[in-house]
Amino acid sequence: MAELVARGYPATTPGEKRRLEMIADIHIAATEVMTMGHITGRYPDVDEIADMLVLVTQGTRLARAWRDDPAVASPAR
């Protein structure tokens, strides 16, 4: 989580910390699933796997604007 905080994700309030943990879990889960898919032969192209993991990362970057402070804009839900 420290790496995500260093990259600008909010983690001041309990809600922000909880969402940061969720984001970390999303990254871990995606990586594990893609790895298992590669090991089993379902996803043979490592470059393609990397591209998909980058897409996941790009999506979760939207959460950097999501703060519990109502004065700060939240991403669309």
N, C-alpha and C. Protein backbone atom coordinates (compact mmCIF):
# COMPACT_ATOMS: atom_id res chain seq x y z
N MET A 1 0.81 -1.19 0.00
CA MET A 1 0.00 0.00 0.00
C MET A 1 0.86 1.26 0.00
N ALA A 2 2.01 1.22 0.61
CA ALA A 2 2.88 2.40 0.67
C ALA A 2 3.23 2.88 -0.73
N GLU A 3 3.43 1.95 -1.64
CA GLU A 3 3.75 2.33 -3.02
C GLU A 3 2.58 3.09 -3.65
N LEU A 4 1.36 2.65 -3.38
CA LEU A 4 0.19 3.33 -3.94
C LEU A 4 0.03 4.72 -3.33
N VAL A 5 0.26 4.85 -2.04
CA VAL A 5 0.20 6.16 -1.40
C VAL A 5 1.25 7.08 -2.01
N ALA A 6 2.45 6.56 -2.24
CA ALA A 6 3.51 7.36 -2.85
C ALA A 6 3.14 7.80 -4.26
N ARG A 7 2.26 7.04 -4.90
CA ARG A 7 1.82 7.40 -6.26
C ARG A 7 0.61 8.31 -6.27
N GLY A 8 0.20 8.77 -5.10
CA GLY A 8 -0.85 9.78 -5.04
C GLY A 8 -2.24 9.29 -4.68
N TYR A 9 -2.36 8.04 -4.27
CA TYR A 9 -3.67 7.54 -3.86
C TYR A 9 -3.96 8.05 -2.45
N PRO A 10 -5.21 8.49 -2.20
CA PRO A 10 -5.53 9.00 -0.86
C PRO A 10 -5.63 7.86 0.16
N ALA A 11 -5.12 8.12 1.36
CA ALA A 11 -5.18 7.12 2.43
C ALA A 11 -5.18 7.79 3.79
N THR A 12 -5.94 8.87 3.89
CA THR A 12 -5.99 9.63 5.13
C THR A 12 -7.07 9.11 6.08
N THR A 13 -8.25 8.85 5.55
CA THR A 13 -9.39 8.43 6.37
C THR A 13 -9.53 6.91 6.34
N PRO A 14 -10.31 6.36 7.26
CA PRO A 14 -10.54 4.91 7.22
C PRO A 14 -11.14 4.43 5.90
N GLY A 15 -12.05 5.21 5.33
CA GLY A 15 -12.64 4.84 4.05
C GLY A 15 -11.63 4.84 2.92
N GLU A 16 -10.77 5.83 2.90
CA GLU A 16 -9.72 5.89 1.87
C GLU A 16 -8.74 4.73 2.03
N LYS A 17 -8.38 4.42 3.27
CA LYS A 17 -7.48 3.29 3.51
C LYS A 17 -8.11 1.97 3.07
N ARG A 18 -9.41 1.80 3.36
CA ARG A 18 -10.13 0.59 2.95
C ARG A 18 -10.14 0.47 1.43
N ARG A 19 -10.44 1.56 0.73
CA ARG A 19 -10.46 1.51 -0.73
C ARG A 19 -9.06 1.24 -1.29
N LEU A 20 -8.04 1.77 -0.64
CA LEU A 20 -6.66 1.52 -1.08
C LEU A 20 -6.33 0.03 -0.94
N GLU A 21 -6.78 -0.58 0.14
CA GLU A 21 -6.59 -2.03 0.31
C GLU A 21 -7.32 -2.79 -0.79
N MET A 22 -8.50 -2.34 -1.16
CA MET A 22 -9.25 -2.98 -2.25
C MET A 22 -8.51 -2.87 -3.57
N ILE A 23 -7.94 -1.70 -3.83
CA ILE A 23 -7.18 -1.50 -5.07
C ILE A 23 -5.97 -2.43 -5.09
N ALA A 24 -5.27 -2.53 -3.97
CA ALA A 24 -4.13 -3.44 -3.90
C ALA A 24 -4.58 -4.88 -4.15
N ASP A 25 -5.71 -5.27 -3.57
CA ASP A 25 -6.24 -6.62 -3.78
C ASP A 25 -6.62 -6.87 -5.23
N ILE A 26 -7.17 -5.85 -5.89
CA ILE A 26 -7.51 -5.97 -7.31
C ILE A 26 -6.26 -6.26 -8.13
N HIS A 27 -5.20 -5.53 -7.86
CA HIS A 27 -3.94 -5.74 -8.60
C HIS A 27 -3.37 -7.13 -8.34
N ILE A 28 -3.40 -7.54 -7.08
CA ILE A 28 -2.89 -8.87 -6.73
C ILE A 28 -3.72 -9.95 -7.40
N ALA A 29 -5.04 -9.84 -7.32
CA ALA A 29 -5.92 -10.86 -7.90
C ALA A 29 -5.74 -10.95 -9.41
N ALA A 30 -5.67 -9.81 -10.08
CA ALA A 30 -5.49 -9.81 -11.53
C ALA A 30 -4.17 -10.47 -11.91
N THR A 31 -3.13 -10.14 -11.17
CA THR A 31 -1.82 -10.73 -11.46
C THR A 31 -1.83 -12.23 -11.25
N GLU A 32 -2.45 -12.68 -10.15
CA GLU A 32 -2.52 -14.12 -9.88
C GLU A 32 -3.31 -14.87 -10.95
N VAL A 33 -4.44 -14.31 -11.35
CA VAL A 33 -5.27 -14.97 -12.37
C VAL A 33 -4.54 -15.04 -13.71
N MET A 34 -3.90 -13.95 -14.09
CA MET A 34 -3.16 -13.96 -15.35
C MET A 34 -1.99 -14.95 -15.30
N THR A 35 -1.34 -15.03 -14.14
CA THR A 35 -0.23 -15.98 -13.98
C THR A 35 -0.73 -17.41 -14.11
N MET A 36 -1.82 -17.73 -13.44
CA MET A 36 -2.38 -19.08 -13.53
C MET A 36 -2.83 -19.38 -14.96
N GLY A 37 -3.41 -18.40 -15.62
CA GLY A 37 -3.80 -18.57 -17.01
C GLY A 37 -2.61 -18.86 -17.91
N HIS A 38 -1.50 -18.22 -17.62
CA HIS A 38 -0.29 -18.47 -18.40
C HIS A 38 0.27 -19.86 -18.12
N ILE A 39 0.32 -20.23 -16.85
CA ILE A 39 0.85 -21.54 -16.47
C ILE A 39 0.03 -22.67 -17.10
N THR A 40 -1.28 -22.50 -17.14
CA THR A 40 -2.15 -23.55 -17.70
C THR A 40 -2.24 -23.51 -19.22
N GLY A 41 -1.65 -22.48 -19.83
CA GLY A 41 -1.68 -22.37 -21.28
C GLY A 41 -2.86 -21.58 -21.83
N ARG A 42 -3.72 -21.12 -20.95
CA ARG A 42 -4.88 -20.34 -21.40
C ARG A 42 -4.46 -19.00 -21.99
N TYR A 43 -3.43 -18.39 -21.41
CA TYR A 43 -2.90 -17.11 -21.88
C TYR A 43 -1.42 -17.30 -22.19
N PRO A 44 -1.09 -17.74 -23.38
CA PRO A 44 0.30 -18.08 -23.69
C PRO A 44 1.21 -16.87 -23.92
N ASP A 45 0.67 -15.74 -24.30
CA ASP A 45 1.49 -14.58 -24.68
C ASP A 45 1.72 -13.67 -23.47
N VAL A 46 2.94 -13.65 -22.95
CA VAL A 46 3.28 -12.85 -21.77
C VAL A 46 3.12 -11.36 -22.06
N ASP A 47 3.44 -10.92 -23.27
CA ASP A 47 3.28 -9.50 -23.61
C ASP A 47 1.81 -9.09 -23.55
N GLU A 48 0.95 -9.95 -24.01
CA GLU A 48 -0.49 -9.67 -23.97
C GLU A 48 -0.98 -9.60 -22.51
N ILE A 49 -0.47 -10.50 -21.68
CA ILE A 49 -0.82 -10.47 -20.26
C ILE A 49 -0.40 -9.14 -19.65
N ALA A 50 0.82 -8.72 -19.95
CA ALA A 50 1.31 -7.44 -19.42
C ALA A 50 0.42 -6.29 -19.87
N ASP A 51 -0.01 -6.32 -21.13
CA ASP A 51 -0.90 -5.27 -21.62
C ASP A 51 -2.21 -5.23 -20.84
N MET A 52 -2.75 -6.39 -20.52
CA MET A 52 -4.01 -6.45 -19.77
C MET A 52 -3.82 -5.95 -18.34
N LEU A 53 -2.70 -6.28 -17.73
CA LEU A 53 -2.44 -5.80 -16.38
C LEU A 53 -2.26 -4.28 -16.35
N VAL A 54 -1.68 -3.73 -17.41
CA VAL A 54 -1.57 -2.27 -17.51
C VAL A 54 -2.96 -1.65 -17.59
N LEU A 55 -3.87 -2.27 -18.31
CA LEU A 55 -5.24 -1.75 -18.38
C LEU A 55 -5.89 -1.71 -17.00
N VAL A 56 -5.69 -2.76 -16.21
CA VAL A 56 -6.23 -2.80 -14.85
C VAL A 56 -5.66 -1.64 -14.04
N THR A 57 -4.36 -1.43 -14.15
CA THR A 57 -3.70 -0.35 -13.42
C THR A 57 -4.24 1.01 -13.84
N GLN A 58 -4.46 1.19 -15.12
CA GLN A 58 -4.99 2.47 -15.60
C GLN A 58 -6.38 2.72 -15.03
N GLY A 59 -7.19 1.68 -14.95
CA GLY A 59 -8.54 1.84 -14.40
C GLY A 59 -8.53 2.23 -12.93
N THR A 60 -7.66 1.60 -12.14
CA THR A 60 -7.65 1.92 -10.72
C THR A 60 -7.00 3.26 -10.42
N ARG A 61 -6.30 3.83 -11.38
CA ARG A 61 -5.72 5.18 -11.18
C ARG A 61 -6.81 6.22 -10.99
N LEU A 62 -8.01 5.95 -11.48
CA LEU A 62 -9.11 6.90 -11.31
C LEU A 62 -9.39 7.15 -9.83
N ALA A 63 -9.07 6.19 -8.99
CA ALA A 63 -9.33 6.32 -7.55
C ALA A 63 -8.45 7.36 -6.88
N ARG A 64 -7.41 7.82 -7.54
CA ARG A 64 -6.56 8.84 -6.93
C ARG A 64 -7.33 10.13 -6.68
N ALA A 65 -8.38 10.36 -7.45
CA ALA A 65 -9.19 11.57 -7.26
C ALA A 65 -10.30 11.35 -6.24
N TRP A 66 -10.46 10.15 -5.76
CA TRP A 66 -11.55 9.79 -4.87
C TRP A 66 -11.12 10.01 -3.42
N ARG A 67 -11.68 11.00 -2.81
CA ARG A 67 -11.35 11.32 -1.42
C ARG A 67 -12.64 11.40 -0.62
N ASP A 68 -12.53 11.16 0.67
CA ASP A 68 -13.69 11.26 1.53
C ASP A 68 -14.09 12.71 1.80
N ASP A 69 -13.19 13.64 1.50
CA ASP A 69 -13.46 15.05 1.68
C ASP A 69 -14.46 15.50 0.61
N PRO A 70 -15.65 15.93 1.01
CA PRO A 70 -16.67 16.33 0.01
C PRO A 70 -16.24 17.50 -0.87
N ALA A 71 -15.23 18.23 -0.45
CA ALA A 71 -14.75 19.36 -1.25
C ALA A 71 -13.94 18.89 -2.44
N VAL A 72 -13.57 17.61 -2.46
CA VAL A 72 -12.77 17.05 -3.54
C VAL A 72 -13.67 16.20 -4.41
N ALA A 73 -13.59 16.36 -5.71
CA ALA A 73 -14.44 15.62 -6.64
C ALA A 73 -14.20 14.13 -6.52
N SER A 74 -15.27 13.36 -6.58
CA SER A 74 -15.21 11.89 -6.57
C SER A 74 -15.41 11.38 -7.99
N PRO A 75 -14.80 10.24 -8.31
CA PRO A 75 -15.05 9.66 -9.63
C PRO A 75 -16.49 9.21 -9.76
N ALA A 76 -16.98 9.15 -10.97
CA ALA A 76 -18.35 8.71 -11.21
C ALA A 76 -18.50 7.27 -10.76
N ARG A 77 -19.66 6.97 -10.23
CA ARG A 77 -19.95 5.61 -9.78
C ARG A 77 -20.93 4.95 -10.70
